PDB file of all heavy atoms in Angstrom:
ATOM      1  N   ILE A   1       5.185 123.396 181.212  1.00  0.00           N
ATOM      2  CA  ILE A   1       5.670 123.258 182.591  1.00  0.00           C
ATOM      3  C   ILE A   1       7.088 123.801 182.717  1.00  0.00           C
ATOM      4  O   ILE A   1       7.409 124.525 183.664  1.00  0.00           O
ATOM      5  CB  ILE A   1       5.568 121.793 183.049  1.00  0.00           C
ATOM      6  CG1 ILE A   1       4.092 121.411 183.163  1.00  0.00           C
ATOM      7  CG2 ILE A   1       6.302 121.567 184.360  1.00  0.00           C
ATOM      8  CD1 ILE A   1       3.835 119.942 183.295  1.00  0.00           C
ATOM      9  N   GLY A   2       7.929 123.490 181.761  1.00  0.00           N
ATOM     10  CA  GLY A   2       9.290 124.022 181.783  1.00  0.00           C
ATOM     11  C   GLY A   2       9.300 125.537 181.799  1.00  0.00           C
ATOM     12  O   GLY A   2      10.031 126.159 182.579  1.00  0.00           O
ATOM     13  N   ARG A   3       8.473 126.163 180.968  1.00  0.00           N
ATOM     14  CA  ARG A   3       8.402 127.624 180.933  1.00  0.00           C
ATOM     15  C   ARG A   3       7.883 128.188 182.251  1.00  0.00           C
ATOM     16  O   ARG A   3       8.334 129.236 182.705  1.00  0.00           O
ATOM     17  CB  ARG A   3       7.514 128.083 179.769  1.00  0.00           C
ATOM     18  CG  ARG A   3       8.199 127.969 178.429  1.00  0.00           C
ATOM     19  CD  ARG A   3       7.366 128.620 177.322  1.00  0.00           C
ATOM     20  NE  ARG A   3       7.730 128.012 176.071  1.00  0.00           N
ATOM     21  CZ  ARG A   3       7.038 127.054 175.451  1.00  0.00           C
ATOM     22  NH1 ARG A   3       5.908 126.607 175.963  1.00  0.00           N
ATOM     23  NH2 ARG A   3       7.469 126.555 174.317  1.00  0.00           N
ATOM     24  N   GLU A   4       6.901 127.504 182.879  1.00  0.00           N
ATOM     25  CA  GLU A   4       6.359 127.974 184.160  1.00  0.00           C
ATOM     26  C   GLU A   4       7.443 128.035 185.238  1.00  0.00           C
ATOM     27  O   GLU A   4       7.363 128.855 186.145  1.00  0.00           O
ATOM     28  CB  GLU A   4       5.220 127.061 184.624  1.00  0.00           C
ATOM     29  CG  GLU A   4       3.949 127.249 183.838  1.00  0.00           C
ATOM     30  CD  GLU A   4       2.856 126.256 184.210  1.00  0.00           C
ATOM     31  OE1 GLU A   4       3.070 125.405 185.115  1.00  0.00           O
ATOM     32  OE2 GLU A   4       1.782 126.321 183.582  1.00  0.00           O
ATOM     33  N   TYR A   5       8.448 127.199 185.132  1.00  0.00           N
ATOM     34  CA  TYR A   5       9.551 127.197 186.094  1.00  0.00           C
ATOM     35  C   TYR A   5      10.730 128.054 185.627  1.00  0.00           C
ATOM     36  O   TYR A   5      11.796 128.039 186.237  1.00  0.00           O
ATOM     37  CB  TYR A   5      10.018 125.771 186.374  1.00  0.00           C
ATOM     38  CG  TYR A   5       9.115 125.044 187.332  1.00  0.00           C
ATOM     39  CD1 TYR A   5       8.031 124.300 186.861  1.00  0.00           C
ATOM     40  CD2 TYR A   5       9.317 125.110 188.709  1.00  0.00           C
ATOM     41  CE1 TYR A   5       7.183 123.636 187.734  1.00  0.00           C
ATOM     42  CE2 TYR A   5       8.479 124.447 189.585  1.00  0.00           C
ATOM     43  CZ  TYR A   5       7.415 123.720 189.091  1.00  0.00           C
ATOM     44  OH  TYR A   5       6.571 123.066 189.962  1.00  0.00           O
ATOM     45  N   GLY A   6      10.549 128.785 184.550  1.00  0.00           N
ATOM     46  CA  GLY A   6      11.580 129.701 184.088  1.00  0.00           C
ATOM     47  C   GLY A   6      12.698 129.057 183.287  1.00  0.00           C
ATOM     48  O   GLY A   6      13.748 129.667 183.088  1.00  0.00           O
ATOM     49  N   ALA A   7      12.473 127.856 182.811  1.00  0.00           N
ATOM     50  CA  ALA A   7      13.505 127.166 182.034  1.00  0.00           C
ATOM     51  C   ALA A   7      13.612 127.755 180.636  1.00  0.00           C
ATOM     52  O   ALA A   7      12.628 128.207 180.056  1.00  0.00           O
ATOM     53  CB  ALA A   7      13.185 125.678 181.939  1.00  0.00           C
ATOM     54  N   ARG A   8      14.815 127.723 180.126  1.00  0.00           N
ATOM     55  CA  ARG A   8      15.053 128.033 178.715  1.00  0.00           C
ATOM     56  C   ARG A   8      14.980 126.706 177.980  1.00  0.00           C
ATOM     57  O   ARG A   8      15.627 125.721 178.382  1.00  0.00           O
ATOM     58  CB  ARG A   8      16.426 128.682 178.528  1.00  0.00           C
ATOM     59  CG  ARG A   8      16.634 129.221 177.129  1.00  0.00           C
ATOM     60  CD  ARG A   8      17.748 130.250 177.111  1.00  0.00           C
ATOM     61  NE  ARG A   8      18.950 129.784 177.756  1.00  0.00           N
ATOM     62  CZ  ARG A   8      20.031 129.337 177.102  1.00  0.00           C
ATOM     63  NH1 ARG A   8      20.055 129.305 175.785  1.00  0.00           N
ATOM     64  NH2 ARG A   8      21.085 128.944 177.779  1.00  0.00           N
ATOM     65  N   ILE A   9      14.182 126.657 176.930  1.00  0.00           N
ATOM     66  CA  ILE A   9      13.930 125.397 176.229  1.00  0.00           C
ATOM     67  C   ILE A   9      14.460 125.491 174.812  1.00  0.00           C
ATOM     68  O   ILE A   9      14.201 126.467 174.105  1.00  0.00           O
ATOM     69  CB  ILE A   9      12.423 125.077 176.213  1.00  0.00           C
ATOM     70  CG1 ILE A   9      11.896 124.985 177.649  1.00  0.00           C
ATOM     71  CG2 ILE A   9      12.152 123.789 175.448  1.00  0.00           C
ATOM     72  CD1 ILE A   9      10.400 124.943 177.775  1.00  0.00           C
ATOM     73  N   VAL A  10      15.201 124.463 174.410  1.00  0.00           N
ATOM     74  CA  VAL A  10      15.675 124.363 173.037  1.00  0.00           C
ATOM     75  C   VAL A  10      15.224 123.024 172.476  1.00  0.00           C
ATOM     76  O   VAL A  10      15.104 122.035 173.208  1.00  0.00           O
ATOM     77  CB  VAL A  10      17.214 124.496 172.935  1.00  0.00           C
ATOM     78  CG1 VAL A  10      17.662 125.872 173.398  1.00  0.00           C
ATOM     79  CG2 VAL A  10      17.924 123.417 173.701  1.00  0.00           C
ATOM     80  N   ALA A  11      14.946 123.016 171.200  1.00  0.00           N
ATOM     81  CA  ALA A  11      14.536 121.773 170.539  1.00  0.00           C
ATOM     82  C   ALA A  11      15.770 120.918 170.286  1.00  0.00           C
ATOM     83  O   ALA A  11      16.813 121.416 169.858  1.00  0.00           O
ATOM     84  CB  ALA A  11      13.830 122.088 169.227  1.00  0.00           C
ATOM     85  N   ALA A  12      15.630 119.645 170.556  1.00  0.00           N
ATOM     86  CA  ALA A  12      16.742 118.712 170.339  1.00  0.00           C
ATOM     87  C   ALA A  12      16.958 118.494 168.847  1.00  0.00           C
ATOM     88  O   ALA A  12      16.013 118.455 168.064  1.00  0.00           O
ATOM     89  CB  ALA A  12      16.449 117.383 171.020  1.00  0.00           C
ATOM     90  N   ASP A  13      18.206 118.348 168.504  1.00  0.00           N
ATOM     91  CA  ASP A  13      18.592 117.955 167.150  1.00  0.00           C
ATOM     92  C   ASP A  13      18.920 116.475 167.233  1.00  0.00           C
ATOM     93  O   ASP A  13      19.797 116.068 168.011  1.00  0.00           O
ATOM     94  CB  ASP A  13      19.811 118.772 166.723  1.00  0.00           C
ATOM     95  CG  ASP A  13      20.359 118.372 165.371  1.00  0.00           C
ATOM     96  OD1 ASP A  13      19.971 117.316 164.825  1.00  0.00           O
ATOM     97  OD2 ASP A  13      21.195 119.126 164.842  1.00  0.00           O
ATOM     98  N   ASP A  14      18.228 115.672 166.470  1.00  0.00           N
ATOM     99  CA  ASP A  14      18.402 114.222 166.572  1.00  0.00           C
ATOM    100  C   ASP A  14      19.820 113.762 166.238  1.00  0.00           C
ATOM    101  O   ASP A  14      20.225 112.675 166.621  1.00  0.00           O
ATOM    102  CB  ASP A  14      17.401 113.495 165.667  1.00  0.00           C
ATOM    103  CG  ASP A  14      15.973 113.661 166.154  1.00  0.00           C
ATOM    104  OD1 ASP A  14      15.776 113.899 167.361  1.00  0.00           O
ATOM    105  OD2 ASP A  14      15.045 113.559 165.322  1.00  0.00           O
ATOM    106  N   GLN A  15      20.587 114.595 165.555  1.00  0.00           N
ATOM    107  CA  GLN A  15      21.957 114.242 165.185  1.00  0.00           C
ATOM    108  C   GLN A  15      22.990 114.761 166.189  1.00  0.00           C
ATOM    109  O   GLN A  15      24.159 114.418 166.101  1.00  0.00           O
ATOM    110  CB  GLN A  15      22.286 114.799 163.793  1.00  0.00           C
ATOM    111  CG  GLN A  15      21.313 114.379 162.711  1.00  0.00           C
ATOM    112  CD  GLN A  15      21.199 112.869 162.576  1.00  0.00           C
ATOM    113  OE1 GLN A  15      22.204 112.168 162.575  1.00  0.00           O
ATOM    114  NE2 GLN A  15      19.979 112.354 162.505  1.00  0.00           N
ATOM    115  N   ALA A  16      22.560 115.578 167.133  1.00  0.00           N
ATOM    116  CA  ALA A  16      23.495 116.207 168.069  1.00  0.00           C
ATOM    117  C   ALA A  16      23.925 115.249 169.169  1.00  0.00           C
ATOM    118  O   ALA A  16      23.192 114.338 169.551  1.00  0.00           O
ATOM    119  CB  ALA A  16      22.861 117.448 168.684  1.00  0.00           C
ATOM    120  N   LEU A  17      25.105 115.482 169.687  1.00  0.00           N
ATOM    121  CA  LEU A  17      25.620 114.759 170.842  1.00  0.00           C
ATOM    122  C   LEU A  17      25.383 115.607 172.088  1.00  0.00           C
ATOM    123  O   LEU A  17      25.153 116.806 171.997  1.00  0.00           O
ATOM    124  CB  LEU A  17      27.125 114.511 170.665  1.00  0.00           C
ATOM    125  CG  LEU A  17      27.540 113.751 169.411  1.00  0.00           C
ATOM    126  CD1 LEU A  17      29.055 113.765 169.276  1.00  0.00           C
ATOM    127  CD2 LEU A  17      27.000 112.341 169.452  1.00  0.00           C
ATOM    128  N   ALA A  18      25.467 114.997 173.253  1.00  0.00           N
ATOM    129  CA  ALA A  18      25.254 115.732 174.508  1.00  0.00           C
ATOM    130  C   ALA A  18      26.178 116.932 174.608  1.00  0.00           C
ATOM    131  O   ALA A  18      25.773 118.013 175.037  1.00  0.00           O
ATOM    132  CB  ALA A  18      25.446 114.798 175.696  1.00  0.00           C
ATOM    133  N   VAL A  19      27.412 116.780 174.207  1.00  0.00           N
ATOM    134  CA  VAL A  19      28.396 117.859 174.307  1.00  0.00           C
ATOM    135  C   VAL A  19      28.002 119.059 173.432  1.00  0.00           C
ATOM    136  O   VAL A  19      28.381 120.188 173.726  1.00  0.00           O
ATOM    137  CB  VAL A  19      29.808 117.322 173.965  1.00  0.00           C
ATOM    138  CG1 VAL A  19      29.943 116.990 172.498  1.00  0.00           C
ATOM    139  CG2 VAL A  19      30.868 118.265 174.441  1.00  0.00           C
ATOM    140  N   ASP A  20      27.206 118.834 172.402  1.00  0.00           N
ATOM    141  CA  ASP A  20      26.803 119.923 171.511  1.00  0.00           C
ATOM    142  C   ASP A  20      25.913 120.948 172.194  1.00  0.00           C
ATOM    143  O   ASP A  20      25.821 122.090 171.749  1.00  0.00           O
ATOM    144  CB  ASP A  20      26.085 119.366 170.279  1.00  0.00           C
ATOM    145  CG  ASP A  20      26.990 118.501 169.416  1.00  0.00           C
ATOM    146  OD1 ASP A  20      28.221 118.696 169.461  1.00  0.00           O
ATOM    147  OD2 ASP A  20      26.471 117.616 168.710  1.00  0.00           O
ATOM    148  N   TYR A  21      25.247 120.580 173.274  1.00  0.00           N
ATOM    149  CA  TYR A  21      24.351 121.495 173.974  1.00  0.00           C
ATOM    150  C   TYR A  21      25.056 122.333 175.041  1.00  0.00           C
ATOM    151  O   TYR A  21      24.482 123.280 175.551  1.00  0.00           O
ATOM    152  CB  TYR A  21      23.180 120.718 174.592  1.00  0.00           C
ATOM    153  CG  TYR A  21      22.343 120.034 173.542  1.00  0.00           C
ATOM    154  CD1 TYR A  21      22.405 118.658 173.365  1.00  0.00           C
ATOM    155  CD2 TYR A  21      21.519 120.774 172.699  1.00  0.00           C
ATOM    156  CE1 TYR A  21      21.659 118.037 172.381  1.00  0.00           C
ATOM    157  CE2 TYR A  21      20.769 120.151 171.712  1.00  0.00           C
ATOM    158  CZ  TYR A  21      20.843 118.790 171.558  1.00  0.00           C
ATOM    159  OH  TYR A  21      20.107 118.169 170.577  1.00  0.00           O
ATOM    160  N   LEU A  22      26.273 121.982 175.375  1.00  0.00           N
ATOM    161  CA  LEU A  22      26.988 122.702 176.429  1.00  0.00           C
ATOM    162  C   LEU A  22      27.236 124.158 176.063  1.00  0.00           C
ATOM    163  O   LEU A  22      27.243 125.029 176.930  1.00  0.00           O
ATOM    164  CB  LEU A  22      28.300 122.004 176.757  1.00  0.00           C
ATOM    165  CG  LEU A  22      28.175 120.570 177.269  1.00  0.00           C
ATOM    166  CD1 LEU A  22      29.549 120.007 177.586  1.00  0.00           C
ATOM    167  CD2 LEU A  22      27.251 120.479 178.456  1.00  0.00           C
ATOM    168  N   SER A  23      27.416 124.432 174.795  1.00  0.00           N
ATOM    169  CA  SER A  23      27.667 125.817 174.376  1.00  0.00           C
ATOM    170  C   SER A  23      26.435 126.701 174.576  1.00  0.00           C
ATOM    171  O   SER A  23      26.549 127.921 174.576  1.00  0.00           O
ATOM    172  CB  SER A  23      28.100 125.851 172.909  1.00  0.00           C
ATOM    173  OG  SER A  23      27.040 125.399 172.085  1.00  0.00           O
ATOM    174  N   LEU A  24      25.260 126.106 174.767  1.00  0.00           N
ATOM    175  CA  LEU A  24      24.041 126.882 174.988  1.00  0.00           C
ATOM    176  C   LEU A  24      23.890 127.330 176.436  1.00  0.00           C
ATOM    177  O   LEU A  24      23.094 128.216 176.738  1.00  0.00           O
ATOM    178  CB  LEU A  24      22.817 126.053 174.594  1.00  0.00           C
ATOM    179  CG  LEU A  24      22.769 125.589 173.133  1.00  0.00           C
ATOM    180  CD1 LEU A  24      21.565 124.677 172.919  1.00  0.00           C
ATOM    181  CD2 LEU A  24      22.751 126.762 172.184  1.00  0.00           C
ATOM    182  N   ALA A  25      24.650 126.722 177.318  1.00  0.00           N
ATOM    183  CA  ALA A  25      24.570 127.064 178.743  1.00  0.00           C
ATOM    184  C   ALA A  25      25.170 128.446 178.979  1.00  0.00           C
ATOM    185  O   ALA A  25      26.179 128.814 178.385  1.00  0.00           O
ATOM    186  CB  ALA A  25      25.296 126.021 179.581  1.00  0.00           C
ATOM    187  N   ARG A  26      24.548 129.194 179.884  1.00  0.00           N
ATOM    188  CA  ARG A  26      25.052 130.525 180.224  1.00  0.00           C
ATOM    189  C   ARG A  26      26.215 130.461 181.202  1.00  0.00           C
ATOM    190  O   ARG A  26      26.993 131.405 181.309  1.00  0.00           O
ATOM    191  CB  ARG A  26      23.933 131.357 180.827  1.00  0.00           C
ATOM    192  CG  ARG A  26      22.895 131.758 179.820  1.00  0.00           C
ATOM    193  CD  ARG A  26      21.923 132.785 180.390  1.00  0.00           C
ATOM    194  NE  ARG A  26      21.003 133.195 179.346  1.00  0.00           N
ATOM    195  CZ  ARG A  26      19.716 132.895 179.342  1.00  0.00           C
ATOM    196  NH1 ARG A  26      19.187 132.225 180.331  1.00  0.00           N
ATOM    197  NH2 ARG A  26      18.957 133.291 178.351  1.00  0.00           N
ATOM    198  N   TYR A  27      26.320 129.375 181.952  1.00  0.00           N
ATOM    199  CA  TYR A  27      27.312 129.293 183.019  1.00  0.00           C
ATOM    200  C   TYR A  27      28.300 128.169 182.759  1.00  0.00           C
ATOM    201  O   TYR A  27      28.050 127.265 181.978  1.00  0.00           O
ATOM    202  CB  TYR A  27      26.624 129.158 184.377  1.00  0.00           C
ATOM    203  CG  TYR A  27      25.679 130.317 184.607  1.00  0.00           C
ATOM    204  CD1 TYR A  27      24.305 130.145 184.574  1.00  0.00           C
ATOM    205  CD2 TYR A  27      26.182 131.603 184.803  1.00  0.00           C
ATOM    206  CE1 TYR A  27      23.449 131.226 184.743  1.00  0.00           C
ATOM    207  CE2 TYR A  27      25.332 132.692 184.962  1.00  0.00           C
ATOM    208  CZ  TYR A  27      23.965 132.490 184.937  1.00  0.00           C
ATOM    209  OH  TYR A  27      23.130 133.558 185.089  1.00  0.00           O
ATOM    210  N   ASP A  28      29.425 128.234 183.452  1.00  0.00           N
ATOM    211  CA  ASP A  28      30.536 127.325 183.184  1.00  0.00           C
ATOM    212  C   ASP A  28      30.443 125.972 183.880  1.00  0.00           C
ATOM    213  O   ASP A  28      31.245 125.089 183.609  1.00  0.00           O
ATOM    214  CB  ASP A  28      31.861 127.982 183.558  1.00  0.00           C
ATOM    215  CG  ASP A  28      32.225 129.103 182.590  1.00  0.00           C
ATOM    216  OD1 ASP A  28      31.807 129.029 181.418  1.00  0.00           O
ATOM    217  OD2 ASP A  28      32.907 130.042 183.013  1.00  0.00           O
ATOM    218  N   TRP A  29      29.488 125.810 184.786  1.00  0.00           N
ATOM    219  CA  TRP A  29      29.310 124.521 185.459  1.00  0.00           C
ATOM    220  C   TRP A  29      27.937 123.976 185.126  1.00  0.00           C
ATOM    221  O   TRP A  29      26.938 124.693 185.183  1.00  0.00           O
ATOM    222  CB  TRP A  29      29.493 124.667 186.971  1.00  0.00           C
ATOM    223  CG  TRP A  29      30.936 124.831 187.305  1.00  0.00           C
ATOM    224  CD1 TRP A  29      31.623 126.000 187.410  1.00  0.00           C
ATOM    225  CD2 TRP A  29      31.876 123.787 187.532  1.00  0.00           C
ATOM    226  NE1 TRP A  29      32.950 125.744 187.694  1.00  0.00           N
ATOM    227  CE2 TRP A  29      33.128 124.390 187.777  1.00  0.00           C
ATOM    228  CE3 TRP A  29      31.787 122.397 187.561  1.00  0.00           C
ATOM    229  CZ2 TRP A  29      34.279 123.660 188.044  1.00  0.00           C
ATOM    230  CZ3 TRP A  29      32.926 121.667 187.831  1.00  0.00           C
ATOM    231  CH2 TRP A  29      34.156 122.294 188.063  1.00  0.00           C
ATOM    232  N   ILE A  30      27.906 122.703 184.763  1.00  0.00           N
ATOM    233  CA  ILE A  30      26.681 122.048 184.290  1.00  0.00           C
ATOM    234  C   ILE A  30      26.301 120.947 185.273  1.00  0.00           C
ATOM    235  O   ILE A  30      27.119 120.056 185.565  1.00  0.00           O
ATOM    236  CB  ILE A  30      26.901 121.419 182.889  1.00  0.00           C
ATOM    237  CG1 ILE A  30      27.552 122.411 181.918  1.00  0.00           C
ATOM    238  CG2 ILE A  30      25.596 120.852 182.348  1.00  0.00           C
ATOM    239  CD1 ILE A  30      26.755 123.644 181.619  1.00  0.00           C
ATOM    240  N   PHE A  31      25.068 121.006 185.763  1.00  0.00           N
ATOM    241  CA  PHE A  31      24.523 119.956 186.621  1.00  0.00           C
ATOM    242  C   PHE A  31      23.505 119.188 185.791  1.00  0.00           C
ATOM    243  O   PHE A  31      22.480 119.727 185.375  1.00  0.00           O
ATOM    244  CB  PHE A  31      23.857 120.547 187.867  1.00  0.00           C
ATOM    245  CG  PHE A  31      23.337 119.496 188.805  1.00  0.00           C
ATOM    246  CD1 PHE A  31      24.220 118.777 189.598  1.00  0.00           C
ATOM    247  CD2 PHE A  31      21.988 119.217 188.896  1.00  0.00           C
ATOM    248  CE1 PHE A  31      23.758 117.798 190.471  1.00  0.00           C
ATOM    249  CE2 PHE A  31      21.514 118.253 189.762  1.00  0.00           C
ATOM    250  CZ  PHE A  31      22.401 117.531 190.544  1.00  0.00           C
ATOM    251  N   CYS A  32      23.789 117.932 185.514  1.00  0.00           N
ATOM    252  CA  CYS A  32      22.925 117.098 184.682  1.00  0.00           C
ATOM    253  C   CYS A  32      21.933 116.345 185.556  1.00  0.00           C
ATOM    254  O   CYS A  32      22.332 115.679 186.516  1.00  0.00           O
ATOM    255  CB  CYS A  32      23.768 116.108 183.880  1.00  0.00           C
ATOM    256  SG  CYS A  32      24.938 116.920 182.773  1.00  0.00           S
ATOM    257  N   ILE A  33      20.668 116.442 185.198  1.00  0.00           N
ATOM    258  CA  ILE A  33      19.614 115.780 185.960  1.00  0.00           C
ATOM    259  C   ILE A  33      18.537 115.300 184.994  1.00  0.00           C
ATOM    260  O   ILE A  33      18.296 115.912 183.959  1.00  0.00           O
ATOM    261  CB  ILE A  33      19.045 116.722 187.053  1.00  0.00           C
ATOM    262  CG1 ILE A  33      18.019 116.006 187.928  1.00  0.00           C
ATOM    263  CG2 ILE A  33      18.507 117.994 186.449  1.00  0.00           C
ATOM    264  CD1 ILE A  33      17.607 116.793 189.160  1.00  0.00           C
ATOM    265  N   ASP A  34      17.933 114.200 185.335  1.00  0.00           N
ATOM    266  CA  ASP A  34      16.871 113.609 184.536  1.00  0.00           C
ATOM    267  C   ASP A  34      15.522 114.096 185.066  1.00  0.00           C
ATOM    268  O   ASP A  34      15.400 114.330 186.271  1.00  0.00           O
ATOM    269  CB  ASP A  34      16.980 112.080 184.655  1.00  0.00           C
ATOM    270  CG  ASP A  34      16.059 111.363 183.713  1.00  0.00           C
ATOM    271  OD1 ASP A  34      14.905 111.094 184.120  1.00  0.00           O
ATOM    272  OD2 ASP A  34      16.467 111.053 182.585  1.00  0.00           O
ATOM    273  N   PRO A  35      14.506 114.232 184.236  1.00  0.00           N
ATOM    274  CA  PRO A  35      13.192 114.658 184.734  1.00  0.00           C
ATOM    275  C   PRO A  35      12.591 113.699 185.768  1.00  0.00           C
ATOM    276  O   PRO A  35      11.709 114.089 186.516  1.00  0.00           O
ATOM    277  CB  PRO A  35      12.314 114.692 183.482  1.00  0.00           C
ATOM    278  CG  PRO A  35      13.256 114.817 182.353  1.00  0.00           C
ATOM    279  CD  PRO A  35      14.523 114.133 182.780  1.00  0.00           C
ATOM    280  N   ARG A  36      13.073 112.466 185.841  1.00  0.00           N
ATOM    281  CA  ARG A  36      12.581 111.500 186.836  1.00  0.00           C
ATOM    282  C   ARG A  36      13.283 111.666 188.180  1.00  0.00           C
ATOM    283  O   ARG A  36      13.026 110.913 189.101  1.00  0.00           O
ATOM    284  CB  ARG A  36      12.832 110.061 186.364  1.00  0.00           C
ATOM    285  CG  ARG A  36      12.154 109.695 185.079  1.00  0.00           C
ATOM    286  CD  ARG A  36      12.586 108.308 184.625  1.00  0.00           C
ATOM    287  NE  ARG A  36      14.025 108.260 184.421  1.00  0.00           N
ATOM    288  CZ  ARG A  36      14.817 107.266 184.826  1.00  0.00           C
ATOM    289  NH1 ARG A  36      14.333 106.226 185.435  1.00  0.00           N
ATOM    290  NH2 ARG A  36      16.122 107.314 184.612  1.00  0.00           N
TER     291      ARG A  36
END
């Protein structure tokens, strides 16, 4: 479903913190949203 909407998907690292994923973003502003 994520791919159907054009999302880029990365596998979570169980040891990573939320801030560790920010470097993967292409843009400088991050909008955080839950799938719910």
